[in-house]
mmCIF file of all heavy atoms, coordinates in Angstrom:
data_MODEL
# 
_entry.id   MODEL 
# 
loop_
_atom_site.group_PDB 
_atom_site.id 
_atom_site.type_symbol 
_atom_site.label_atom_id 
_atom_site.label_alt_id 
_atom_site.label_comp_id 
_atom_site.label_asym_id 
_atom_site.label_entity_id 
_atom_site.label_seq_id 
_atom_site.pdbx_PDB_ins_code 
_atom_site.Cartn_x 
_atom_site.Cartn_y 
_atom_site.Cartn_z 
_atom_site.occupancy 
_atom_site.B_iso_or_equiv 
_atom_site.pdbx_formal_charge 
_atom_site.auth_seq_id 
_atom_site.auth_comp_id 
_atom_site.auth_asym_id 
_atom_site.auth_atom_id 
_atom_site.pdbx_PDB_model_num 
ATOM 1   N N   . ALA A 1 1  ? -21.968 -18.970 29.284 1.00 0.00 ? 1  ALA A N   1 
ATOM 2   C CA  . ALA A 1 1  ? -21.467 -20.329 29.427 1.00 0.00 ? 1  ALA A CA  1 
ATOM 3   C C   . ALA A 1 1  ? -20.831 -20.671 28.087 1.00 0.00 ? 1  ALA A C   1 
ATOM 4   O O   . ALA A 1 1  ? -21.360 -20.321 27.035 1.00 0.00 ? 1  ALA A O   1 
ATOM 5   C CB  . ALA A 1 1  ? -22.605 -21.292 29.726 1.00 0.00 ? 1  ALA A CB  1 
ATOM 6   N N   . VAL A 1 2  ? -19.674 -21.321 28.144 1.00 0.00 ? 2  VAL A N   1 
ATOM 7   C CA  . VAL A 1 2  ? -18.991 -21.729 26.924 1.00 0.00 ? 2  VAL A CA  1 
ATOM 8   C C   . VAL A 1 2  ? -18.911 -23.244 26.924 1.00 0.00 ? 2  VAL A C   1 
ATOM 9   O O   . VAL A 1 2  ? -18.447 -23.847 27.896 1.00 0.00 ? 2  VAL A O   1 
ATOM 10  C CB  . VAL A 1 2  ? -17.572 -21.117 26.833 1.00 0.00 ? 2  VAL A CB  1 
ATOM 11  C CG1 . VAL A 1 2  ? -16.883 -21.567 25.560 1.00 0.00 ? 2  VAL A CG1 1 
ATOM 12  C CG2 . VAL A 1 2  ? -17.632 -19.606 26.909 1.00 0.00 ? 2  VAL A CG2 1 
ATOM 13  N N   . SER A 1 3  ? -19.377 -23.848 25.851 1.00 0.00 ? 3  SER A N   1 
ATOM 14  C CA  . SER A 1 3  ? -19.336 -25.303 25.701 1.00 0.00 ? 3  SER A CA  1 
ATOM 15  C C   . SER A 1 3  ? -18.361 -25.645 24.577 1.00 0.00 ? 3  SER A C   1 
ATOM 16  O O   . SER A 1 3  ? -18.730 -25.635 23.399 1.00 0.00 ? 3  SER A O   1 
ATOM 17  C CB  . SER A 1 3  ? -20.721 -25.853 25.370 1.00 0.00 ? 3  SER A CB  1 
ATOM 18  O OG  . SER A 1 3  ? -21.619 -25.587 26.420 1.00 0.00 ? 3  SER A OG  1 
ATOM 19  N N   . PRO A 1 4  ? -17.105 -25.916 24.937 1.00 0.00 ? 4  PRO A N   1 
ATOM 20  C CA  . PRO A 1 4  ? -16.133 -26.252 23.895 1.00 0.00 ? 4  PRO A CA  1 
ATOM 21  C C   . PRO A 1 4  ? -16.436 -27.627 23.299 1.00 0.00 ? 4  PRO A C   1 
ATOM 22  O O   . PRO A 1 4  ? -17.183 -28.420 23.891 1.00 0.00 ? 4  PRO A O   1 
ATOM 23  C CB  . PRO A 1 4  ? -14.794 -26.251 24.629 1.00 0.00 ? 4  PRO A CB  1 
ATOM 24  C CG  . PRO A 1 4  ? -15.127 -26.443 26.057 1.00 0.00 ? 4  PRO A CG  1 
ATOM 25  C CD  . PRO A 1 4  ? -16.520 -25.928 26.263 1.00 0.00 ? 4  PRO A CD  1 
ATOM 26  N N   . GLU A 1 5  ? -15.865 -27.903 22.124 1.00 0.00 ? 5  GLU A N   1 
ATOM 27  C CA  . GLU A 1 5  ? -16.073 -29.215 21.496 1.00 0.00 ? 5  GLU A CA  1 
ATOM 28  C C   . GLU A 1 5  ? -15.557 -30.331 22.390 1.00 0.00 ? 5  GLU A C   1 
ATOM 29  O O   . GLU A 1 5  ? -16.158 -31.387 22.482 1.00 0.00 ? 5  GLU A O   1 
ATOM 30  C CB  . GLU A 1 5  ? -15.388 -29.272 20.136 1.00 0.00 ? 5  GLU A CB  1 
ATOM 31  C CG  . GLU A 1 5  ? -16.107 -28.456 19.081 1.00 0.00 ? 5  GLU A CG  1 
ATOM 32  C CD  . GLU A 1 5  ? -15.490 -28.610 17.712 1.00 0.00 ? 5  GLU A CD  1 
ATOM 33  O OE1 . GLU A 1 5  ? -14.826 -29.636 17.437 1.00 0.00 ? 5  GLU A OE1 1 
ATOM 34  O OE2 . GLU A 1 5  ? -15.674 -27.694 16.903 1.00 0.00 ? 5  GLU A OE2 1 
ATOM 35  N N   . LYS A 1 6  ? -14.423 -30.096 23.037 1.00 0.00 ? 6  LYS A N   1 
ATOM 36  C CA  . LYS A 1 6  ? -13.850 -31.081 23.952 1.00 0.00 ? 6  LYS A CA  1 
ATOM 37  C C   . LYS A 1 6  ? -13.762 -30.447 25.335 1.00 0.00 ? 6  LYS A C   1 
ATOM 38  O O   . LYS A 1 6  ? -13.387 -29.295 25.473 1.00 0.00 ? 6  LYS A O   1 
ATOM 39  C CB  . LYS A 1 6  ? -12.447 -31.496 23.501 1.00 0.00 ? 6  LYS A CB  1 
ATOM 40  C CG  . LYS A 1 6  ? -12.434 -32.187 22.165 1.00 0.00 ? 6  LYS A CG  1 
ATOM 41  C CD  . LYS A 1 6  ? -11.030 -32.544 21.746 1.00 0.00 ? 6  LYS A CD  1 
ATOM 42  C CE  . LYS A 1 6  ? -11.026 -33.173 20.371 1.00 0.00 ? 6  LYS A CE  1 
ATOM 43  N NZ  . LYS A 1 6  ? -9.667  -33.442 19.910 1.00 0.00 ? 6  LYS A NZ  1 
ATOM 44  N N   . GLY A 1 7  ? -14.090 -31.184 26.341 1.00 0.00 ? 7  GLY A N   1 
ATOM 45  C CA  . GLY A 1 7  ? -13.992 -30.679 27.704 1.00 0.00 ? 7  GLY A CA  1 
ATOM 46  C C   . GLY A 1 7  ? -15.316 -30.160 28.229 1.00 0.00 ? 7  GLY A C   1 
ATOM 47  O O   . GLY A 1 7  ? -16.281 -29.978 27.479 1.00 0.00 ? 7  GLY A O   1 
ATOM 48  N N   . PRO A 1 8  ? -15.350 -29.907 29.525 1.00 0.00 ? 8  PRO A N   1 
ATOM 49  C CA  . PRO A 1 8  ? -16.597 -29.467 30.166 1.00 0.00 ? 8  PRO A CA  1 
ATOM 50  C C   . PRO A 1 8  ? -16.921 -27.996 29.896 1.00 0.00 ? 8  PRO A C   1 
ATOM 51  O O   . PRO A 1 8  ? -16.047 -27.201 29.546 1.00 0.00 ? 8  PRO A O   1 
ATOM 52  C CB  . PRO A 1 8  ? -16.319 -29.700 31.649 1.00 0.00 ? 8  PRO A CB  1 
ATOM 53  C CG  . PRO A 1 8  ? -14.841 -29.597 31.776 1.00 0.00 ? 8  PRO A CG  1 
ATOM 54  C CD  . PRO A 1 8  ? -14.272 -30.115 30.486 1.00 0.00 ? 8  PRO A CD  1 
ATOM 55  N N   . ARG A 1 9  ? -18.167 -27.672 30.093 1.00 0.00 ? 9  ARG A N   1 
ATOM 56  C CA  . ARG A 1 9  ? -18.634 -26.290 29.990 1.00 0.00 ? 9  ARG A CA  1 
ATOM 57  C C   . ARG A 1 9  ? -17.978 -25.463 31.093 1.00 0.00 ? 9  ARG A C   1 
ATOM 58  O O   . ARG A 1 9  ? -17.722 -25.944 32.184 1.00 0.00 ? 9  ARG A O   1 
ATOM 59  C CB  . ARG A 1 9  ? -20.149 -26.269 30.155 1.00 0.00 ? 9  ARG A CB  1 
ATOM 60  C CG  . ARG A 1 9  ? -20.749 -24.877 30.151 1.00 0.00 ? 9  ARG A CG  1 
ATOM 61  C CD  . ARG A 1 9  ? -22.223 -24.906 30.437 1.00 0.00 ? 9  ARG A CD  1 
ATOM 62  N NE  . ARG A 1 9  ? -22.910 -25.557 29.335 1.00 0.00 ? 9  ARG A NE  1 
ATOM 63  C CZ  . ARG A 1 9  ? -24.090 -26.153 29.450 1.00 0.00 ? 9  ARG A CZ  1 
ATOM 64  N NH1 . ARG A 1 9  ? -24.712 -26.202 30.607 1.00 0.00 ? 9  ARG A NH1 1 
ATOM 65  N NH2 . ARG A 1 9  ? -24.654 -26.712 28.407 1.00 0.00 ? 9  ARG A NH2 1 
ATOM 66  N N   . TYR A 1 10 ? -17.728 -24.204 30.804 1.00 0.00 ? 10 TYR A N   1 
ATOM 67  C CA  . TYR A 1 10 ? -17.247 -23.276 31.826 1.00 0.00 ? 10 TYR A CA  1 
ATOM 68  C C   . TYR A 1 10 ? -17.986 -21.953 31.672 1.00 0.00 ? 10 TYR A C   1 
ATOM 69  O O   . TYR A 1 10 ? -18.706 -21.747 30.686 1.00 0.00 ? 10 TYR A O   1 
ATOM 70  C CB  . TYR A 1 10 ? -15.722 -23.116 31.779 1.00 0.00 ? 10 TYR A CB  1 
ATOM 71  C CG  . TYR A 1 10 ? -15.171 -22.551 30.486 1.00 0.00 ? 10 TYR A CG  1 
ATOM 72  C CD1 . TYR A 1 10 ? -14.905 -21.199 30.355 1.00 0.00 ? 10 TYR A CD1 1 
ATOM 73  C CD2 . TYR A 1 10 ? -14.896 -23.377 29.401 1.00 0.00 ? 10 TYR A CD2 1 
ATOM 74  C CE1 . TYR A 1 10 ? -14.396 -20.682 29.177 1.00 0.00 ? 10 TYR A CE1 1 
ATOM 75  C CE2 . TYR A 1 10 ? -14.385 -22.871 28.228 1.00 0.00 ? 10 TYR A CE2 1 
ATOM 76  C CZ  . TYR A 1 10 ? -14.133 -21.523 28.126 1.00 0.00 ? 10 TYR A CZ  1 
ATOM 77  O OH  . TYR A 1 10 ? -13.629 -21.007 26.959 1.00 0.00 ? 10 TYR A OH  1 
ATOM 78  N N   . TYR A 1 11 ? -17.837 -21.068 32.647 1.00 0.00 ? 11 TYR A N   1 
ATOM 79  C CA  . TYR A 1 11 ? -18.670 -19.878 32.751 1.00 0.00 ? 11 TYR A CA  1 
ATOM 80  C C   . TYR A 1 11 ? -17.809 -18.630 32.860 1.00 0.00 ? 11 TYR A C   1 
ATOM 81  O O   . TYR A 1 11 ? -16.866 -18.579 33.653 1.00 0.00 ? 11 TYR A O   1 
ATOM 82  C CB  . TYR A 1 11 ? -19.585 -19.995 33.978 1.00 0.00 ? 11 TYR A CB  1 
ATOM 83  C CG  . TYR A 1 11 ? -20.388 -21.272 33.924 1.00 0.00 ? 11 TYR A CG  1 
ATOM 84  C CD1 . TYR A 1 11 ? -19.888 -22.458 34.451 1.00 0.00 ? 11 TYR A CD1 1 
ATOM 85  C CD2 . TYR A 1 11 ? -21.624 -21.301 33.290 1.00 0.00 ? 11 TYR A CD2 1 
ATOM 86  C CE1 . TYR A 1 11 ? -20.599 -23.643 34.368 1.00 0.00 ? 11 TYR A CE1 1 
ATOM 87  C CE2 . TYR A 1 11 ? -22.348 -22.484 33.205 1.00 0.00 ? 11 TYR A CE2 1 
ATOM 88  C CZ  . TYR A 1 11 ? -21.822 -23.645 33.738 1.00 0.00 ? 11 TYR A CZ  1 
ATOM 89  O OH  . TYR A 1 11 ? -22.533 -24.810 33.643 1.00 0.00 ? 11 TYR A OH  1 
ATOM 90  N N   . LEU A 1 12 ? -18.132 -17.624 32.079 1.00 0.00 ? 12 LEU A N   1 
ATOM 91  C CA  . LEU A 1 12 ? -17.386 -16.377 32.043 1.00 0.00 ? 12 LEU A CA  1 
ATOM 92  C C   . LEU A 1 12 ? -18.286 -15.215 32.428 1.00 0.00 ? 12 LEU A C   1 
ATOM 93  O O   . LEU A 1 12 ? -19.431 -15.148 31.970 1.00 0.00 ? 12 LEU A O   1 
ATOM 94  C CB  . LEU A 1 12 ? -16.855 -16.122 30.630 1.00 0.00 ? 12 LEU A CB  1 
ATOM 95  C CG  . LEU A 1 12 ? -15.951 -17.185 30.029 1.00 0.00 ? 12 LEU A CG  1 
ATOM 96  C CD1 . LEU A 1 12 ? -15.804 -16.962 28.539 1.00 0.00 ? 12 LEU A CD1 1 
ATOM 97  C CD2 . LEU A 1 12 ? -14.598 -17.124 30.697 1.00 0.00 ? 12 LEU A CD2 1 
ATOM 98  N N   . SER A 1 13 ? -17.754 -14.320 33.239 1.00 0.00 ? 13 SER A N   1 
ATOM 99  C CA  . SER A 1 13 ? -18.499 -13.103 33.542 1.00 0.00 ? 13 SER A CA  1 
ATOM 100 C C   . SER A 1 13 ? -17.519 -11.972 33.809 1.00 0.00 ? 13 SER A C   1 
ATOM 101 O O   . SER A 1 13 ? -16.393 -12.198 34.263 1.00 0.00 ? 13 SER A O   1 
ATOM 102 C CB  . SER A 1 13 ? -19.449 -13.291 34.726 1.00 0.00 ? 13 SER A CB  1 
ATOM 103 O OG  . SER A 1 13 ? -18.765 -13.593 35.907 1.00 0.00 ? 13 SER A OG  1 
ATOM 104 N N   . PRO A 1 14 ? -17.926 -10.740 33.492 1.00 0.00 ? 14 PRO A N   1 
ATOM 105 C CA  . PRO A 1 14 ? -17.046 -9.596  33.696 1.00 0.00 ? 14 PRO A CA  1 
ATOM 106 C C   . PRO A 1 14 ? -16.670 -9.426  35.161 1.00 0.00 ? 14 PRO A C   1 
ATOM 107 O O   . PRO A 1 14 ? -17.487 -9.664  36.053 1.00 0.00 ? 14 PRO A O   1 
ATOM 108 C CB  . PRO A 1 14 ? -17.886 -8.398  33.244 1.00 0.00 ? 14 PRO A CB  1 
ATOM 109 C CG  . PRO A 1 14 ? -18.989 -8.961  32.443 1.00 0.00 ? 14 PRO A CG  1 
ATOM 110 C CD  . PRO A 1 14 ? -19.217 -10.348 32.955 1.00 0.00 ? 14 PRO A CD  1 
ATOM 111 N N   . GLY A 1 15 ? -15.442 -9.021  35.363 1.00 0.00 ? 15 GLY A N   1 
ATOM 112 C CA  . GLY A 1 15 ? -14.995 -8.670  36.698 1.00 0.00 ? 15 GLY A CA  1 
ATOM 113 C C   . GLY A 1 15 ? -14.939 -7.160  36.824 1.00 0.00 ? 15 GLY A C   1 
ATOM 114 O O   . GLY A 1 15 ? -15.700 -6.539  37.556 1.00 0.00 ? 15 GLY A O   1 
ATOM 115 N N   . HIS A 1 16 ? -14.050 -6.543  36.043 1.00 0.00 ? 16 HIS A N   1 
ATOM 116 C CA  . HIS A 1 16 ? -13.837 -5.099  36.125 1.00 0.00 ? 16 HIS A CA  1 
ATOM 117 C C   . HIS A 1 16 ? -13.376 -4.603  34.759 1.00 0.00 ? 16 HIS A C   1 
ATOM 118 O O   . HIS A 1 16 ? -12.533 -5.244  34.124 1.00 0.00 ? 16 HIS A O   1 
ATOM 119 C CB  . HIS A 1 16 ? -12.777 -4.811  37.190 1.00 0.00 ? 16 HIS A CB  1 
ATOM 120 C CG  . HIS A 1 16 ? -12.428 -3.366  37.364 1.00 0.00 ? 16 HIS A CG  1 
ATOM 121 N ND1 . HIS A 1 16 ? -13.342 -2.448  37.801 1.00 0.00 ? 16 HIS A ND1 1 
ATOM 122 C CD2 . HIS A 1 16 ? -11.270 -2.691  37.168 1.00 0.00 ? 16 HIS A CD2 1 
ATOM 123 C CE1 . HIS A 1 16 ? -12.748 -1.255  37.883 1.00 0.00 ? 16 HIS A CE1 1 
ATOM 124 N NE2 . HIS A 1 16 ? -11.501 -1.385  37.485 1.00 0.00 ? 16 HIS A NE2 1 
ATOM 125 N N   . ARG A 1 17 ? -13.940 -3.508  34.298 1.00 0.00 ? 17 ARG A N   1 
ATOM 126 C CA  . ARG A 1 17 ? -13.555 -2.846  33.050 1.00 0.00 ? 17 ARG A CA  1 
ATOM 127 C C   . ARG A 1 17 ? -13.671 -3.750  31.821 1.00 0.00 ? 17 ARG A C   1 
ATOM 128 O O   . ARG A 1 17 ? -12.938 -3.585  30.852 1.00 0.00 ? 17 ARG A O   1 
ATOM 129 C CB  . ARG A 1 17 ? -12.161 -2.240  33.167 1.00 0.00 ? 17 ARG A CB  1 
ATOM 130 C CG  . ARG A 1 17 ? -12.116 -1.089  34.151 1.00 0.00 ? 17 ARG A CG  1 
ATOM 131 C CD  . ARG A 1 17 ? -10.752 -0.490  34.344 1.00 0.00 ? 17 ARG A CD  1 
ATOM 132 N NE  . ARG A 1 17 ? -10.096 -0.205  33.072 1.00 0.00 ? 17 ARG A NE  1 
ATOM 133 C CZ  . ARG A 1 17 ? -8.784  -0.011  32.947 1.00 0.00 ? 17 ARG A CZ  1 
ATOM 134 N NH1 . ARG A 1 17 ? -8.015  -0.076  33.997 1.00 0.00 ? 17 ARG A NH1 1 
ATOM 135 N NH2 . ARG A 1 17 ? -8.259  0.248   31.778 1.00 0.00 ? 17 ARG A NH2 1 
ATOM 136 N N   . VAL A 1 18 ? -14.586 -4.703  31.869 1.00 0.00 ? 18 VAL A N   1 
ATOM 137 C CA  . VAL A 1 18 ? -14.911 -5.554  30.725 1.00 0.00 ? 18 VAL A CA  1 
ATOM 138 C C   . VAL A 1 18 ? -16.434 -5.606  30.647 1.00 0.00 ? 18 VAL A C   1 
ATOM 139 O O   . VAL A 1 18 ? -17.097 -5.767  31.664 1.00 0.00 ? 18 VAL A O   1 
ATOM 140 C CB  . VAL A 1 18 ? -14.346 -6.987  30.893 1.00 0.00 ? 18 VAL A CB  1 
ATOM 141 C CG1 . VAL A 1 18 ? -14.822 -7.893  29.762 1.00 0.00 ? 18 VAL A CG1 1 
ATOM 142 C CG2 . VAL A 1 18 ? -12.826 -6.973  30.964 1.00 0.00 ? 18 VAL A CG2 1 
ATOM 143 N N   . ARG A 1 19 ? -16.960 -5.451  29.448 1.00 0.00 ? 19 ARG A N   1 
ATOM 144 C CA  . ARG A 1 19 ? -18.411 -5.520  29.260 1.00 0.00 ? 19 ARG A CA  1 
ATOM 145 C C   . ARG A 1 19 ? -18.815 -6.943  28.891 1.00 0.00 ? 19 ARG A C   1 
ATOM 146 O O   . ARG A 1 19 ? -18.030 -7.678  28.284 1.00 0.00 ? 19 ARG A O   1 
ATOM 147 C CB  . ARG A 1 19 ? -18.849 -4.554  28.160 1.00 0.00 ? 19 ARG A CB  1 
ATOM 148 C CG  . ARG A 1 19 ? -18.529 -3.100  28.495 1.00 0.00 ? 19 ARG A CG  1 
ATOM 149 C CD  . ARG A 1 19 ? -18.857 -2.197  27.361 1.00 0.00 ? 19 ARG A CD  1 
ATOM 150 N NE  . ARG A 1 19 ? -18.037 -2.572  26.195 1.00 0.00 ? 19 ARG A NE  1 
ATOM 151 C CZ  . ARG A 1 19 ? -18.000 -1.891  25.065 1.00 0.00 ? 19 ARG A CZ  1 
ATOM 152 N NH1 . ARG A 1 19 ? -18.739 -0.814  24.912 1.00 0.00 ? 19 ARG A NH1 1 
ATOM 153 N NH2 . ARG A 1 19 ? -17.241 -2.272  24.064 1.00 0.00 ? 19 ARG A NH2 1 
ATOM 154 N N   . VAL A 1 20 ? -20.029 -7.308  29.235 1.00 0.00 ? 20 VAL A N   1 
ATOM 155 C CA  . VAL A 1 20 ? -20.533 -8.641  28.905 1.00 0.00 ? 20 VAL A CA  1 
ATOM 156 C C   . VAL A 1 20 ? -20.407 -8.885  27.401 1.00 0.00 ? 20 VAL A C   1 
ATOM 157 O O   . VAL A 1 20 ? -19.960 -9.951  26.971 1.00 0.00 ? 20 VAL A O   1 
ATOM 158 C CB  . VAL A 1 20 ? -22.002 -8.822  29.364 1.00 0.00 ? 20 VAL A CB  1 
ATOM 159 C CG1 . VAL A 1 20 ? -22.572 -10.115 28.833 1.00 0.00 ? 20 VAL A CG1 1 
ATOM 160 C CG2 . VAL A 1 20 ? -22.107 -8.774  30.871 1.00 0.00 ? 20 VAL A CG2 1 
ATOM 161 N N   . LYS A 1 21 ? -20.774 -7.902  26.598 1.00 0.00 ? 21 LYS A N   1 
ATOM 162 C CA  . LYS A 1 21 ? -20.759 -8.106  25.146 1.00 0.00 ? 21 LYS A CA  1 
ATOM 163 C C   . LYS A 1 21 ? -19.348 -8.310  24.599 1.00 0.00 ? 21 LYS A C   1 
ATOM 164 O O   . LYS A 1 21 ? -19.189 -8.850  23.507 1.00 0.00 ? 21 LYS A O   1 
ATOM 165 C CB  . LYS A 1 21 ? -21.464 -6.960  24.433 1.00 0.00 ? 21 LYS A CB  1 
ATOM 166 C CG  . LYS A 1 21 ? -20.750 -5.637  24.481 1.00 0.00 ? 21 LYS A CG  1 
ATOM 167 C CD  . LYS A 1 21 ? -21.571 -4.593  23.739 1.00 0.00 ? 21 LYS A CD  1 
ATOM 168 C CE  . LYS A 1 21 ? -20.811 -3.290  23.611 1.00 0.00 ? 21 LYS A CE  1 
ATOM 169 N NZ  . LYS A 1 21 ? -21.562 -2.333  22.793 1.00 0.00 ? 21 LYS A NZ  1 
ATOM 170 N N   . ASP A 1 22 ? -18.326 -7.913  25.330 1.00 0.00 ? 22 ASP A N   1 
ATOM 171 C CA  . ASP A 1 22 ? -16.943 -8.104  24.870 1.00 0.00 ? 22 ASP A CA  1 
ATOM 172 C C   . ASP A 1 22 ? -16.419 -9.513  25.138 1.00 0.00 ? 22 ASP A C   1 
ATOM 173 O O   . ASP A 1 22 ? -15.439 -9.933  24.529 1.00 0.00 ? 22 ASP A O   1 
ATOM 174 C CB  . ASP A 1 22 ? -16.011 -7.093  25.541 1.00 0.00 ? 22 ASP A CB  1 
ATOM 175 C CG  . ASP A 1 22 ? -16.326 -5.670  25.125 1.00 0.00 ? 22 ASP A CG  1 
ATOM 176 O OD1 . ASP A 1 22 ? -16.814 -5.471  23.994 1.00 0.00 ? 22 ASP A OD1 1 
ATOM 177 O OD2 . ASP A 1 22 ? -16.091 -4.763  25.939 1.00 0.00 ? 22 ASP A OD2 1 
ATOM 178 N N   . ILE A 1 23 ? -17.050 -10.227 26.039 1.00 0.00 ? 23 ILE A N   1 
ATOM 179 C CA  . ILE A 1 23 ? -16.549 -11.553 26.424 1.00 0.00 ? 23 ILE A CA  1 
ATOM 180 C C   . ILE A 1 23 ? -16.514 -12.511 25.246 1.00 0.00 ? 23 ILE A C   1 
ATOM 181 O O   . ILE A 1 23 ? -15.534 -13.211 25.038 1.00 0.00 ? 23 ILE A O   1 
ATOM 182 C CB  . ILE A 1 23 ? -17.359 -12.125 27.603 1.00 0.00 ? 23 ILE A CB  1 
ATOM 183 C CG1 . ILE A 1 23 ? -17.006 -11.336 28.875 1.00 0.00 ? 23 ILE A CG1 1 
ATOM 184 C CG2 . ILE A 1 23 ? -17.076 -13.607 27.794 1.00 0.00 ? 23 ILE A CG2 1 
ATOM 185 C CD1 . ILE A 1 23 ? -17.786 -11.757 30.091 1.00 0.00 ? 23 ILE A CD1 1 
ATOM 186 N N   . ALA A 1 24 ? -17.569 -12.529 24.431 1.00 0.00 ? 24 ALA A N   1 
ATOM 187 C CA  . ALA A 1 24 ? -17.604 -13.443 23.280 1.00 0.00 ? 24 ALA A CA  1 
ATOM 188 C C   . ALA A 1 24 ? -16.455 -13.138 22.323 1.00 0.00 ? 24 ALA A C   1 
ATOM 189 O O   . ALA A 1 24 ? -15.805 -14.054 21.808 1.00 0.00 ? 24 ALA A O   1 
ATOM 190 C CB  . ALA A 1 24 ? -18.946 -13.354 22.570 1.00 0.00 ? 24 ALA A CB  1 
ATOM 191 N N   . LYS A 1 25 ? -16.162 -11.870 22.100 1.00 0.00 ? 25 LYS A N   1 
ATOM 192 C CA  . LYS A 1 25 ? -15.054 -11.493 21.213 1.00 0.00 ? 25 LYS A CA  1 
ATOM 193 C C   . LYS A 1 25 ? -13.714 -11.944 21.790 1.00 0.00 ? 25 LYS A C   1 
ATOM 194 O O   . LYS A 1 25 ? -12.853 -12.427 21.065 1.00 0.00 ? 25 LYS A O   1 
ATOM 195 C CB  . LYS A 1 25 ? -15.036 -9.972  21.013 1.00 0.00 ? 25 LYS A CB  1 
ATOM 196 C CG  . LYS A 1 25 ? -16.232 -9.422  20.291 1.00 0.00 ? 25 LYS A CG  1 
ATOM 197 C CD  . LYS A 1 25 ? -16.160 -7.907  20.274 1.00 0.00 ? 25 LYS A CD  1 
ATOM 198 C CE  . LYS A 1 25 ? -17.505 -7.320  19.929 1.00 0.00 ? 25 LYS A CE  1 
ATOM 199 N NZ  . LYS A 1 25 ? -17.540 -5.879  20.153 1.00 0.00 ? 25 LYS A NZ  1 
ATOM 200 N N   . ILE A 1 26 ? -13.554 -11.785 23.082 1.00 0.00 ? 26 ILE A N   1 
ATOM 201 C CA  . ILE A 1 26 ? -12.303 -12.175 23.735 1.00 0.00 ? 26 ILE A CA  1 
ATOM 202 C C   . ILE A 1 26 ? -12.111 -13.688 23.648 1.00 0.00 ? 26 ILE A C   1 
ATOM 203 O O   . ILE A 1 26 ? -11.022 -14.165 23.346 1.00 0.00 ? 26 ILE A O   1 
ATOM 204 C CB  . ILE A 1 26 ? -12.272 -11.670 25.192 1.00 0.00 ? 26 ILE A CB  1 
ATOM 205 C CG1 . ILE A 1 26 ? -12.170 -10.134 25.197 1.00 0.00 ? 26 ILE A CG1 1 
ATOM 206 C CG2 . ILE A 1 26 ? -11.113 -12.301 25.967 1.00 0.00 ? 26 ILE A CG2 1 
ATOM 207 C CD1 . ILE A 1 26 ? -12.425 -9.493  26.535 1.00 0.00 ? 26 ILE A CD1 1 
ATOM 208 N N   . VAL A 1 27 ? -13.169 -14.448 23.873 1.00 0.00 ? 27 VAL A N   1 
ATOM 209 C CA  . VAL A 1 27 ? -13.082 -15.910 23.800 1.00 0.00 ? 27 VAL A CA  1 
ATOM 210 C C   . VAL A 1 27 ? -12.740 -16.348 22.381 1.00 0.00 ? 27 VAL A C   1 
ATOM 211 O O   . VAL A 1 27 ? -11.936 -17.262 22.181 1.00 0.00 ? 27 VAL A O   1 
ATOM 212 C CB  . VAL A 1 27 ? -14.379 -16.579 24.286 1.00 0.00 ? 27 VAL A CB  1 
ATOM 213 C CG1 . VAL A 1 27 ? -14.389 -18.065 23.969 1.00 0.00 ? 27 VAL A CG1 1 
ATOM 214 C CG2 . VAL A 1 27 ? -14.552 -16.361 25.774 1.00 0.00 ? 27 VAL A CG2 1 
# 
C-alpha cells in the first residue's frame, strides 16, 4: 500500500515478471 503525502492510498502488486521487492524501487 502506498500512502502519498497528497491523495488517497493505493495498492500495488506484481502482475507478471516483477517481484514484490522491486515494487518499492519502481515507485
